C-alpha atoms as a PDB file:
ATOM      1  CA  MET A   1     -19.616   8.816   9.801  1.00  0.00           C
ATOM      2  CA  LEU A   2     -18.577   5.428   8.367  1.00  0.00           C
ATOM      3  CA  THR A   3     -19.338   5.102   4.664  1.00  0.00           C
ATOM      4  CA  ALA A   4     -19.784   1.799   2.840  1.00  0.00           C
ATOM      5  CA  VAL A   5     -18.979   1.271  -0.834  1.00  0.00           C
ATOM      6  CA  SER A   6     -21.009  -0.721  -3.356  1.00  0.00           C
ATOM      7  CA  SER A   7     -18.676  -3.707  -3.549  1.00  0.00           C
ATOM      8  CA  ARG A   8     -16.084  -4.827  -1.042  1.00  0.00           C
ATOM      9  CA  LEU A   9     -14.289  -7.839   0.378  1.00  0.00           C
ATOM     10  CA  VAL A  10     -14.682  -7.939   4.160  1.00  0.00           C
ATOM     11  CA  LEU A  11     -12.287 -10.046   6.223  1.00  0.00           C
ATOM     12  CA  LEU A  12     -13.332 -10.904   9.771  1.00  0.00           C
ATOM     13  CA  ASP A  13     -10.735 -11.402  12.496  1.00  0.00           C
ATOM     14  CA  SER A  14     -13.035 -14.043  13.930  1.00  0.00           C
ATOM     15  CA  ALA A  15     -11.396 -14.855  17.283  1.00  0.00           C
ATOM     16  CA  SER A  16     -10.956 -11.176  18.081  1.00  0.00           C
ATOM     17  CA  LEU A  17     -14.636 -10.588  17.375  1.00  0.00           C
ATOM     18  CA  TYR A  18     -16.099 -13.547  19.251  1.00  0.00           C
ATOM     19  CA  PHE A  19     -13.864 -12.843  22.258  1.00  0.00           C
ATOM     20  CA  ARG A  20     -15.176  -9.265  22.271  1.00  0.00           C
ATOM     21  CA  ALA A  21     -18.757 -10.510  21.990  1.00  0.00           C
ATOM     22  CA  PHE A  22     -18.179 -12.955  24.858  1.00  0.00           C
ATOM     23  CA  TYR A  23     -17.042 -10.199  27.209  1.00  0.00           C
ATOM     24  CA  ALA A  24     -19.568  -7.628  25.987  1.00  0.00           C
ATOM     25  CA  LEU A  25     -22.724  -9.717  26.411  1.00  0.00           C
ATOM     26  CA  PRO A  26     -24.003 -11.487  29.548  1.00  0.00           C
ATOM     27  CA  GLU A  27     -23.578 -15.222  30.012  1.00  0.00           C
ATOM     28  CA  SER A  28     -27.249 -15.281  30.964  1.00  0.00           C
ATOM     29  CA  MET A  29     -27.831 -15.652  27.211  1.00  0.00           C
ATOM     30  CA  THR A  30     -28.125 -19.425  27.155  1.00  0.00           C
ATOM     31  CA  ALA A  31     -29.388 -22.302  25.051  1.00  0.00           C
ATOM     32  CA  PRO A  32     -32.289 -24.456  26.306  1.00  0.00           C
ATOM     33  CA  ASP A  33     -29.728 -26.873  27.773  1.00  0.00           C
ATOM     34  CA  GLY A  34     -28.012 -24.056  29.702  1.00  0.00           C
ATOM     35  CA  THR A  35     -25.004 -23.615  27.399  1.00  0.00           C
ATOM     36  CA  PRO A  36     -24.001 -19.941  27.229  1.00  0.00           C
ATOM     37  CA  VAL A  37     -24.418 -18.534  23.699  1.00  0.00           C
ATOM     38  CA  ASN A  38     -23.492 -14.889  24.288  1.00  0.00           C
ATOM     39  CA  ALA A  39     -20.429 -15.095  22.025  1.00  0.00           C
ATOM     40  CA  VAL A  40     -22.422 -16.917  19.338  1.00  0.00           C
ATOM     41  CA  ARG A  41     -25.198 -14.335  19.280  1.00  0.00           C
ATOM     42  CA  GLY A  42     -22.780 -11.411  19.434  1.00  0.00           C
ATOM     43  CA  PHE A  43     -20.741 -12.826  16.558  1.00  0.00           C
ATOM     44  CA  ILE A  44     -23.853 -13.409  14.444  1.00  0.00           C
ATOM     45  CA  ASP A  45     -24.985  -9.847  15.142  1.00  0.00           C
ATOM     46  CA  THR A  46     -21.551  -8.604  14.043  1.00  0.00           C
ATOM     47  CA  ILE A  47     -21.920 -10.396  10.712  1.00  0.00           C
ATOM     48  CA  THR A  48     -25.368  -8.861  10.274  1.00  0.00           C
ATOM     49  CA  LYS A  49     -23.953  -5.367  10.840  1.00  0.00           C
ATOM     50  CA  VAL A  50     -21.108  -6.066   8.434  1.00  0.00           C
ATOM     51  CA  ILE A  51     -23.608  -6.991   5.723  1.00  0.00           C
ATOM     52  CA  THR A  52     -26.126  -4.220   6.393  1.00  0.00           C
ATOM     53  CA  ASP A  53     -23.923  -1.345   7.566  1.00  0.00           C
ATOM     54  CA  ARG A  54     -20.669  -2.060   5.748  1.00  0.00           C
ATOM     55  CA  GLY A  55     -22.169  -3.318   2.498  1.00  0.00           C
ATOM     56  CA  ALA A  56     -20.151  -6.519   2.340  1.00  0.00           C
ATOM     57  CA  THR A  57     -20.630  -8.305  -0.973  1.00  0.00           C
ATOM     58  CA  ARG A  58     -17.791 -10.731  -0.269  1.00  0.00           C
ATOM     59  CA  LEU A  59     -17.088 -12.003   3.229  1.00  0.00           C
ATOM     60  CA  VAL A  60     -14.559 -14.370   4.816  1.00  0.00           C
ATOM     61  CA  ALA A  61     -14.402 -15.346   8.466  1.00  0.00           C
ATOM     62  CA  CYS A  62     -10.678 -15.830   9.053  1.00  0.00           C
ATOM     63  CA  LEU A  63      -9.656 -18.396  11.655  1.00  0.00           C
ATOM     64  CA  ASP A  64      -6.641 -19.318  13.763  1.00  0.00           C
ATOM     65  CA  ALA A  65      -5.356 -22.716  12.644  1.00  0.00           C
ATOM     66  CA  ASP A  66      -2.595 -22.114  15.206  1.00  0.00           C
ATOM     67  CA  TRP A  67      -3.059 -19.341  17.764  1.00  0.00           C
ATOM     68  CA  ARG A  68       0.674 -19.423  18.691  1.00  0.00           C
ATOM     69  CA  PRO A  69       2.606 -20.509  15.577  1.00  0.00           C
ATOM     70  CA  GLU A  70       5.850 -22.371  16.030  1.00  0.00           C
ATOM     71  CA  PHE A  71       7.819 -20.015  13.792  1.00  0.00           C
ATOM     72  CA  ARG A  72       6.926 -17.089  16.053  1.00  0.00           C
ATOM     73  CA  VAL A  73       7.624 -19.004  19.264  1.00  0.00           C
ATOM     74  CA  ALA A  74      10.970 -20.179  17.875  1.00  0.00           C
ATOM     75  CA  ALA A  75      11.895 -16.564  17.181  1.00  0.00           C
ATOM     76  CA  LEU A  76      10.629 -15.236  20.524  1.00  0.00           C
ATOM     77  CA  PRO A  77       9.696 -17.844  23.175  1.00  0.00           C
ATOM     78  CA  SER A  78       7.825 -15.229  25.242  1.00  0.00           C
ATOM     79  CA  TYR A  79       5.293 -14.768  22.426  1.00  0.00           C
ATOM     80  CA  LYS A  80       1.867 -15.270  24.049  1.00  0.00           C
ATOM     81  CA  ALA A  81       3.532 -17.522  26.648  1.00  0.00           C
ATOM     82  CA  HIS A  82       1.420 -16.038  29.443  1.00  0.00           C
ATOM     83  CA  ARG A  83      -1.727 -17.195  27.663  1.00  0.00           C
ATOM     84  CA  VAL A  84      -0.794 -20.888  27.546  1.00  0.00           C
ATOM     85  CA  LEU A  85      -3.139 -22.984  29.701  1.00  0.00           C
ATOM     86  CA  GLU A  86      -1.316 -24.365  32.727  1.00  0.00           C
ATOM     87  CA  GLY A  87      -1.795 -28.097  33.101  1.00  0.00           C
ATOM     88  CA  GLY A  88      -3.588 -28.385  29.775  1.00  0.00           C
ATOM     89  CA  VAL A  89      -2.619 -29.979  26.482  1.00  0.00           C
ATOM     90  CA  GLU A  90       0.778 -28.658  25.390  1.00  0.00           C
ATOM     91  CA  GLY A  91       0.347 -25.306  23.669  1.00  0.00           C
ATOM     92  CA  GLU A  92      -3.373 -25.034  24.480  1.00  0.00           C
ATOM     93  CA  GLU A  93      -4.686 -21.493  24.872  1.00  0.00           C
ATOM     94  CA  ASP A  94      -6.221 -20.423  28.170  1.00  0.00           C
ATOM     95  CA  VAL A  95      -9.778 -19.665  27.048  1.00  0.00           C
ATOM     96  CA  PRO A  96     -12.759 -19.120  29.390  1.00  0.00           C
ATOM     97  CA  ASP A  97     -14.545 -22.426  30.000  1.00  0.00           C
ATOM     98  CA  THR A  98     -17.856 -20.971  28.883  1.00  0.00           C
ATOM     99  CA  LEU A  99     -16.440 -19.629  25.610  1.00  0.00           C
ATOM    100  CA  THR A 100     -14.745 -22.833  24.411  1.00  0.00           C
ATOM    101  CA  PRO A 101     -17.996 -24.756  23.628  1.00  0.00           C
ATOM    102  CA  GLN A 102     -19.369 -21.771  21.721  1.00  0.00           C
ATOM    103  CA  VAL A 103     -16.690 -21.791  19.017  1.00  0.00           C
ATOM    104  CA  PRO A 104     -17.960 -24.995  17.299  1.00  0.00           C
ATOM    105  CA  ILE A 105     -21.468 -23.526  17.332  1.00  0.00           C
ATOM    106  CA  ILE A 106     -20.199 -20.411  15.568  1.00  0.00           C
ATOM    107  CA  LEU A 107     -18.515 -22.576  12.929  1.00  0.00           C
ATOM    108  CA  ASP A 108     -21.703 -24.620  12.470  1.00  0.00           C
ATOM    109  CA  VAL A 109     -23.724 -21.439  11.934  1.00  0.00           C
ATOM    110  CA  LEU A 110     -21.240 -20.081   9.394  1.00  0.00           C
ATOM    111  CA  ASP A 111     -21.368 -23.364   7.485  1.00  0.00           C
ATOM    112  CA  ALA A 112     -25.163 -23.610   7.505  1.00  0.00           C
ATOM    113  CA  VAL A 113     -25.615 -19.999   6.433  1.00  0.00           C
ATOM    114  CA  GLY A 114     -22.991 -20.367   3.709  1.00  0.00           C
ATOM    115  CA  ILE A 115     -20.404 -17.811   4.817  1.00  0.00           C
ATOM    116  CA  ALA A 116     -16.849 -18.603   3.802  1.00  0.00           C
ATOM    117  CA  THR A 117     -14.196 -19.465   6.371  1.00  0.00           C
ATOM    118  CA  ALA A 118     -10.455 -19.536   5.781  1.00  0.00           C
ATOM    119  CA  GLU A 119      -7.392 -20.712   7.679  1.00  0.00           C
ATOM    120  CA  ALA A 120      -3.790 -21.689   7.025  1.00  0.00           C
ATOM    121  CA  VAL A 121      -1.966 -24.547   8.752  1.00  0.00           C
ATOM    122  CA  GLY A 122       0.655 -23.194  11.129  1.00  0.00           C
ATOM    123  CA  TYR A 123      -0.624 -19.613  10.959  1.00  0.00           C
ATOM    124  CA  GLU A 124      -2.901 -17.222  12.821  1.00  0.00           C
ATOM    125  CA  ALA A 125      -5.974 -15.485  11.466  1.00  0.00           C
ATOM    126  CA  ASP A 126      -3.867 -12.319  11.165  1.00  0.00           C
ATOM    127  CA  ASP A 127      -1.723 -14.111   8.579  1.00  0.00           C
ATOM    128  CA  VAL A 128      -4.779 -15.328   6.677  1.00  0.00           C
ATOM    129  CA  ILE A 129      -6.047 -11.745   6.588  1.00  0.00           C
ATOM    130  CA  GLY A 130      -2.637 -10.425   5.548  1.00  0.00           C
ATOM    131  CA  THR A 131      -2.451 -12.957   2.726  1.00  0.00           C
ATOM    132  CA  LEU A 132      -5.995 -12.438   1.421  1.00  0.00           C
ATOM    133  CA  ALA A 133      -5.622  -8.650   1.579  1.00  0.00           C
ATOM    134  CA  ALA A 134      -2.287  -8.750  -0.259  1.00  0.00           C
ATOM    135  CA  ARG A 135      -3.744 -11.056  -2.880  1.00  0.00           C
ATOM    136  CA  GLU A 136      -6.832  -8.948  -3.653  1.00  0.00           C
ATOM    137  CA  GLU A 137      -6.648  -6.897  -6.853  1.00  0.00           C
ATOM    138  CA  THR A 138     -10.342  -6.345  -7.659  1.00  0.00           C
ATOM    139  CA  ASP A 139     -12.410  -4.948  -4.790  1.00  0.00           C
ATOM    140  CA  PRO A 140     -11.636  -2.681  -1.854  1.00  0.00           C
ATOM    141  CA  VAL A 141     -10.846  -4.653   1.296  1.00  0.00           C
ATOM    142  CA  GLU A 142     -12.098  -3.963   4.798  1.00  0.00           C
ATOM    143  CA  VAL A 143     -10.703  -5.810   7.810  1.00  0.00           C
ATOM    144  CA  ILE A 144     -12.971  -5.983  10.870  1.00  0.00           C
ATOM    145  CA  THR A 145     -11.023  -6.446  14.085  1.00  0.00           C
ATOM    146  CA  GLY A 146     -10.537  -5.403  17.666  1.00  0.00           C
ATOM    147  CA  ASP A 147      -6.786  -5.984  17.380  1.00  0.00           C
ATOM    148  CA  ARG A 148      -4.325  -3.197  16.559  1.00  0.00           C
ATOM    149  CA  ASP A 149      -1.819  -5.696  15.112  1.00  0.00           C
ATOM    150  CA  LEU A 150      -3.729  -5.617  11.829  1.00  0.00           C
ATOM    151  CA  PHE A 151      -3.250  -1.881  11.306  1.00  0.00           C
ATOM    152  CA  GLN A 152      -0.146  -2.838   9.352  1.00  0.00           C
ATOM    153  CA  VAL A 153      -2.185  -4.163   6.391  1.00  0.00           C
ATOM    154  CA  VAL A 154      -3.602  -0.774   5.328  1.00  0.00           C
ATOM    155  CA  ARG A 155      -2.667   0.450   1.855  1.00  0.00           C
ATOM    156  CA  ASP A 156      -4.037   2.360  -1.131  1.00  0.00           C
ATOM    157  CA  GLU A 157      -2.786   0.311  -4.089  1.00  0.00           C
ATOM    158  CA  PRO A 158      -3.584  -1.775  -6.073  1.00  0.00           C
ATOM    159  CA  VAL A 159      -6.897  -1.658  -4.170  1.00  0.00           C
ATOM    160  CA  PRO A 160      -7.654   0.196  -0.927  1.00  0.00           C
ATOM    161  CA  VAL A 161      -7.243  -1.880   2.234  1.00  0.00           C
ATOM    162  CA  ARG A 162      -8.804  -0.386   5.335  1.00  0.00           C
ATOM    163  CA  VAL A 163      -9.179  -1.569   8.924  1.00  0.00           C
ATOM    164  CA  LEU A 164     -12.417  -1.049  10.828  1.00  0.00           C
ATOM    165  CA  TYR A 165     -11.182  -1.089  14.407  1.00  0.00           C
ATOM    166  CA  LEU A 166     -13.742  -2.097  17.028  1.00  0.00           C
ATOM    167  CA  GLY A 167     -11.499  -1.766  20.064  1.00  0.00           C
ATOM    168  CA  ARG A 168     -14.046   0.551  21.690  1.00  0.00           C
ATOM    169  CA  GLY A 169     -17.144  -1.064  20.189  1.00  0.00           C
ATOM    170  CA  TRP A 170     -19.284  -0.348  17.137  1.00  0.00           C
ATOM    171  CA  ALA A 171     -20.450   3.036  18.404  1.00  0.00           C
ATOM    172  CA  LYS A 172     -16.856   4.273  18.426  1.00  0.00           C
ATOM    173  CA  ALA A 173     -15.540   2.265  15.477  1.00  0.00           C
ATOM    174  CA  GLU A 174     -12.566   3.756  13.638  1.00  0.00           C
ATOM    175  CA  LEU A 175     -12.025   3.281   9.908  1.00  0.00           C
ATOM    176  CA  LEU A 176      -8.310   3.528   9.242  1.00  0.00           C
ATOM    177  CA  GLY A 177      -6.374   3.812   6.020  1.00  0.00           C
ATOM    178  CA  PRO A 178      -2.829   5.116   5.518  1.00  0.00           C
ATOM    179  CA  VAL A 179      -3.823   8.758   6.074  1.00  0.00           C
ATOM    180  CA  GLU A 180      -5.783   8.080   9.262  1.00  0.00           C
ATOM    181  CA  LEU A 181      -3.159   5.692  10.618  1.00  0.00           C
ATOM    182  CA  ALA A 182      -0.366   8.194   9.992  1.00  0.00           C
ATOM    183  CA  ALA A 183      -2.346  10.945  11.720  1.00  0.00           C
ATOM    184  CA  LYS A 184      -3.268   8.760  14.699  1.00  0.00           C
ATOM    185  CA  TYR A 185       0.300   7.694  15.496  1.00  0.00           C
ATOM    186  CA  GLY A 186       2.494  10.333  13.881  1.00  0.00           C
ATOM    187  CA  LEU A 187       3.748   7.966  11.199  1.00  0.00           C
ATOM    188  CA  PRO A 188       4.673   8.658   7.566  1.00  0.00           C
ATOM    189  CA  GLU A 189       1.690   8.384   5.207  1.00  0.00           C
ATOM    190  CA  THR A 190       3.853   6.597   2.662  1.00  0.00           C
ATOM    191  CA  ASP A 191       3.981   2.950   3.729  1.00  0.00           C
ATOM    192  CA  ALA A 192       1.987   3.734   6.864  1.00  0.00           C
ATOM    193  CA  GLY A 193       1.123   0.051   7.333  1.00  0.00           C
ATOM    194  CA  PRO A 194       4.726  -1.224   7.420  1.00  0.00           C
ATOM    195  CA  ALA A 195       5.665   1.863   9.457  1.00  0.00           C
ATOM    196  CA  TYR A 196       3.086   0.861  12.071  1.00  0.00           C
ATOM    197  CA  ALA A 197       4.594  -2.636  12.238  1.00  0.00           C
ATOM    198  CA  GLY A 198       8.029  -1.090  12.750  1.00  0.00           C
ATOM    199  CA  MET A 199       6.695   1.115  15.516  1.00  0.00           C
ATOM    200  CA  ALA A 200       5.044  -1.917  17.123  1.00  0.00           C
ATOM    201  CA  VAL A 201       8.368  -3.766  17.173  1.00  0.00           C
ATOM    202  CA  LEU A 202      10.049  -0.901  19.029  1.00  0.00           C
ATOM    203  CA  ARG A 203       7.095  -0.224  21.357  1.00  0.00           C
ATOM    204  CA  GLY A 204       6.374  -3.832  22.172  1.00  0.00           C
ATOM    205  CA  ASP A 205       3.069  -5.301  23.338  1.00  0.00           C
ATOM    206  CA  PRO A 206       2.846  -6.965  26.775  1.00  0.00           C
ATOM    207  CA  SER A 207      -0.474  -8.591  25.814  1.00  0.00           C
ATOM    208  CA  ASP A 208       1.429 -10.636  23.210  1.00  0.00           C
ATOM    209  CA  GLY A 209       4.603 -11.125  25.224  1.00  0.00           C
ATOM    210  CA  LEU A 210       6.600  -8.601  23.178  1.00  0.00           C
ATOM    211  CA  PRO A 211       8.961  -6.698  25.478  1.00  0.00           C
ATOM    212  CA  GLY A 212       9.810  -3.922  23.045  1.00  0.00           C
ATOM    213  CA  VAL A 213      12.886  -1.758  23.514  1.00  0.00           C
ATOM    214  CA  ALA A 214      13.347  -0.575  27.088  1.00  0.00           C
ATOM    215  CA  GLY A 215      13.077   3.195  27.306  1.00  0.00           C
ATOM    216  CA  ILE A 216      11.351   3.590  23.946  1.00  0.00           C
ATOM    217  CA  GLY A 217       7.610   4.142  24.187  1.00  0.00           C
ATOM    218  CA  GLU A 218       5.009   4.559  21.488  1.00  0.00           C
ATOM    219  CA  LYS A 219       5.664   8.236  20.753  1.00  0.00           C
ATOM    220  CA  THR A 220       9.436   7.804  20.545  1.00  0.00           C
ATOM    221  CA  ALA A 221       9.028   4.679  18.413  1.00  0.00           C
ATOM    222  CA  ALA A 222       6.739   6.516  15.987  1.00  0.00           C
ATOM    223  CA  LYS A 223       9.104   9.497  15.862  1.00  0.00           C
ATOM    224  CA  LEU A 224      12.073   7.269  15.019  1.00  0.00           C
ATOM    225  CA  VAL A 225      10.209   5.412  12.269  1.00  0.00           C
ATOM    226  CA  LYS A 226       8.936   8.679  10.783  1.00  0.00           C
ATOM    227  CA  GLU A 227      12.334  10.361  10.923  1.00  0.00           C
ATOM    228  CA  PHE A 228      14.224   7.479   9.354  1.00  0.00           C
ATOM    229  CA  GLY A 229      11.425   6.185   7.115  1.00  0.00           C
ATOM    230  CA  SER A 230      11.393   2.563   8.272  1.00  0.00           C
ATOM    231  CA  LEU A 231      12.443   0.258  11.084  1.00  0.00           C
ATOM    232  CA  ARG A 232      15.222  -1.125   8.871  1.00  0.00           C
ATOM    233  CA  ALA A 233      16.641   2.370   8.430  1.00  0.00           C
ATOM    234  CA  VAL A 234      16.517   2.969  12.198  1.00  0.00           C
ATOM    235  CA  LEU A 235      18.440  -0.231  12.868  1.00  0.00           C
ATOM    236  CA  ASP A 236      20.987   0.551  10.165  1.00  0.00           C
ATOM    237  CA  ALA A 237      21.610   3.955  11.743  1.00  0.00           C
ATOM    238  CA  VAL A 238      22.468   2.329  15.075  1.00  0.00           C
ATOM    239  CA  HIS A 239      25.646   0.894  13.551  1.00  0.00           C
ATOM    240  CA  ASP A 240      26.466   3.869  11.320  1.00  0.00           C
ATOM    241  CA  PRO A 241      29.119   6.029  13.009  1.00  0.00           C
ATOM    242  CA  ARG A 242      28.308   8.852  10.558  1.00  0.00           C
ATOM    243  CA  ASP A 243      24.701   9.086  11.688  1.00  0.00           C
ATOM    244  CA  ARG A 244      23.967  12.118  13.843  1.00  0.00           C
ATOM    245  CA  LYS A 245      20.176  11.885  14.009  1.00  0.00           C
ATOM    246  CA  LEU A 246      19.993   9.193  16.680  1.00  0.00           C
ATOM    247  CA  THR A 247      20.339  10.477  20.207  1.00  0.00           C
ATOM    248  CA  THR A 248      22.859   8.770  22.459  1.00  0.00           C
ATOM    249  CA  ARG A 249      20.023   7.548  24.644  1.00  0.00           C
ATOM    250  CA  ALA A 250      18.122   5.989  21.732  1.00  0.00           C
ATOM    251  CA  ARG A 251      21.261   4.398  20.282  1.00  0.00           C
ATOM    252  CA  THR A 252      22.151   2.900  23.664  1.00  0.00           C
ATOM    253  CA  ALA A 253      18.637   1.484  24.096  1.00  0.00           C
ATOM    254  CA  LEU A 254      18.593   0.010  20.601  1.00  0.00           C
ATOM    255  CA  LEU A 255      22.030  -1.555  21.024  1.00  0.00           C
ATOM    256  CA  ALA A 256      20.947  -3.140  24.303  1.00  0.00           C
ATOM    257  CA  ALA A 257      17.926  -4.690  22.536  1.00  0.00           C
ATOM    258  CA  GLN A 258      19.820  -6.082  19.525  1.00  0.00           C
ATOM    259  CA  ASP A 259      18.871  -9.703  20.190  1.00  0.00           C
ATOM    260  CA  TYR A 260      15.185  -8.828  20.473  1.00  0.00           C
ATOM    261  CA  LEU A 261      15.264  -6.572  17.417  1.00  0.00           C
ATOM    262  CA  ALA A 262      16.832  -9.318  15.313  1.00  0.00           C
ATOM    263  CA  VAL A 263      13.793 -11.574  15.768  1.00  0.00           C
ATOM    264  CA  ALA A 264      10.860  -9.288  16.603  1.00  0.00           C
ATOM    265  CA  PRO A 265       9.899  -8.435  12.988  1.00  0.00           C
ATOM    266  CA  THR A 266       9.328 -12.150  12.342  1.00  0.00           C
ATOM    267  CA  VAL A 267       6.819 -12.127  15.187  1.00  0.00           C
ATOM    268  CA  VAL A 268       5.127  -8.804  14.493  1.00  0.00           C
ATOM    269  CA  ASN A 269       4.839  -8.800  10.696  1.00  0.00           C
ATOM    270  CA  VAL A 270       1.799 -10.632   9.371  1.00  0.00           C
ATOM    271  CA  ALA A 271       2.455 -13.176   6.645  1.00  0.00           C
ATOM    272  CA  THR A 272       1.332 -12.313   3.132  1.00  0.00           C
ATOM    273  CA  ASP A 273       2.123 -15.679   1.553  1.00  0.00           C
ATOM    274  CA  ALA A 274       0.371 -18.222   3.786  1.00  0.00           C
ATOM    275  CA  LYS A 275      -1.215 -21.233   2.075  1.00  0.00           C
ATOM    276  CA  VAL A 276      -4.802 -20.275   2.782  1.00  0.00           C
ATOM    277  CA  LEU A 277      -7.499 -22.941   2.728  1.00  0.00           C
ATOM    278  CA  GLN A 278     -10.953 -21.473   2.069  1.00  0.00           C
ATOM    279  CA  ASP A 279     -14.012 -23.680   2.361  1.00  0.00           C
ATOM    280  CA  ARG A 280     -16.195 -21.990  -0.279  1.00  0.00           C
ATOM    281  CA  PRO A 281     -16.390 -18.897  -2.530  1.00  0.00           C
ATOM    282  CA  ASP A 282     -16.452 -15.631  -0.591  1.00  0.00           C
ATOM    283  CA  VAL A 283     -19.643 -14.172  -2.127  1.00  0.00           C
ATOM    284  CA  VAL A 284     -22.187 -13.276   0.551  1.00  0.00           C
ATOM    285  CA  PRO A 285     -25.101 -15.658  -0.060  1.00  0.00           C
ATOM    286  CA  ALA A 286     -28.532 -14.345  -0.961  1.00  0.00           C
ATOM    287  CA  ALA A 287     -30.098 -17.148   1.082  1.00  0.00           C
ATOM    288  CA  PRO A 288     -28.764 -19.678   3.602  1.00  0.00           C
ATOM    289  CA  ALA A 289     -26.921 -22.663   2.170  1.00  0.00           C
ATOM    290  CA  ASP A 290     -28.873 -25.084   4.364  1.00  0.00           C
ATOM    291  CA  PRO A 291     -32.121 -23.510   5.639  1.00  0.00           C
ATOM    292  CA  ASP A 292     -33.216 -26.616   7.553  1.00  0.00           C
ATOM    293  CA  ARG A 293     -29.929 -26.791   9.421  1.00  0.00           C
ATOM    294  CA  VAL A 294     -30.080 -23.077  10.189  1.00  0.00           C
ATOM    295  CA  GLU A 295     -33.525 -23.599  11.706  1.00  0.00           C
ATOM    296  CA  GLU A 296     -32.312 -26.586  13.707  1.00  0.00           C
ATOM    297  CA  LEU A 297     -29.281 -24.689  15.041  1.00  0.00           C
ATOM    298  CA  SER A 298     -31.449 -21.730  15.990  1.00  0.00           C
ATOM    299  CA  ARG A 299     -33.862 -23.956  17.871  1.00  0.00           C
ATOM    300  CA  ARG A 300     -31.209 -26.138  19.530  1.00  0.00           C
ATOM    301  CA  TRP A 301     -29.079 -23.250  20.750  1.00  0.00           C
ATOM    302  CA  GLY A 302     -31.798 -20.707  21.440  1.00  0.00           C
ATOM    303  CA  LEU A 303     -30.317 -18.083  19.156  1.00  0.00           C
ATOM    304  CA  GLY A 304     -33.341 -15.853  19.552  1.00  0.00           C
ATOM    305  CA  SER A 305     -33.561 -12.973  17.129  1.00  0.00           C
ATOM    306  CA  SER A 306     -29.895 -13.091  16.055  1.00  0.00           C
ATOM    307  CA  LEU A 307     -30.219 -15.640  13.247  1.00  0.00           C
ATOM    308  CA  PRO A 308     -33.476 -14.206  11.860  1.00  0.00           C
ATOM    309  CA  ARG A 309     -31.816 -10.781  11.678  1.00  0.00           C
ATOM    310  CA  LEU A 310     -28.937 -12.282   9.720  1.00  0.00           C
ATOM    311  CA  LEU A 311     -31.295 -14.081   7.349  1.00  0.00           C
ATOM    312  CA  ASN A 312     -33.247 -10.844   6.841  1.00  0.00           C
ATOM    313  CA  ALA A 313     -29.973  -9.093   5.945  1.00  0.00           C
ATOM    314  CA  LEU A 314     -29.287 -11.757   3.324  1.00  0.00           C
ATOM    315  CA  GLU A 315     -32.831 -11.425   1.994  1.00  0.00           C
ATOM    316  CA  ARG A 316     -32.477  -7.643   1.644  1.00  0.00           C
ATOM    317  CA  ARG A 317     -29.316  -8.146  -0.390  1.00  0.00           C
ATOM    318  CA  ARG A 318     -31.288 -10.277  -2.849  1.00  0.00           C
ATOM    319  CA  SER A 319     -34.126  -7.767  -3.267  1.00  0.00           C
END
C-alpha cells in the first residue's frame, strides 16, 4: 500500500506522464471541434490523483526545454537519434500528430489552475527534476514518472527523495527509495541512486540510443557495481593489473567499450545544477488562479469531468 505524508514536494515528469496518458486512453475523447484530448484529460486526472492520493502540498510540472540536449548529443550522437522526425525541423522529436496539439492545452490548463511549471534552457525535464530534488532541504520529495532513468535521484538525506514509478500504471505503481531500489536490482543500499545510474551506463538503453557494453546485461552490470561500489571503481579496476575481481570476460568487454564508457555518464547522469526557471511558487493552490479561464478551457476543449475533479481536489485541500 502506498502511503502519503502530510507535506511533500511532488515533481511531475510531465512528458512521460502525458505520453502515457495518450497511449492509455482512446483518441475518441475529443473536443467539440474534433481535437483529441485524451492526453489532456489523462494528465489532469494524474494531477488529481497526485493531490488526493499522494497528498501533494507542493507541486511542479517539470518540462523539457530541450528533449535532446546538445551536450548529450555531442557526447553520444546516437542519443535519441532514432526519435528525430525525418523531414521535419532539425532536431524535432517524432511525436504522434494527435498528441502534438494537446501539449499547449495542457500548459494552458496548468497556468489557469495555478500549478507551477519549471524548465531549464538546454536541459530535459529529468535535469529539472534532478536539480529541484537536489536543492530541496525542507520537505520530502516524490518524483512521479514512467521513466526508469529517474531512479537515480533517490536518497535519504538531507530529505527523503522517492520515485513513484508508473511504468505499469497506477494500479501497479511502485514507490522506490534506496532500500527498494537496491532490492529490486541487486544494488548497494548506500548510494543506490548513483549505483543505478552506473548500472544503466553498463546495461545501456536502446530506447534512448545507449548501446551499453556488449556482453554485459542488467544482472551483470548490477553485480559489478555492487561488488566494486561504483561505476568509477569498476572502470578503475579495468586498468589495474593487481585487480583479481574482474573476470577476463568482463575486463575484455569493458576495454572494448572504452570510448562509450568515457562519455556515457555525461548522457545518463541527470544534472543537479541546471538553471531552472519556475513560473510561480510551487504551493498547490486552494482554488484556481483564473476560474473564468478554467471554465472557458473546459468548455472549449470538452474536458468533461476531469477539470471538475481537479477543482474538487483543490477545494478539499482548503477545507
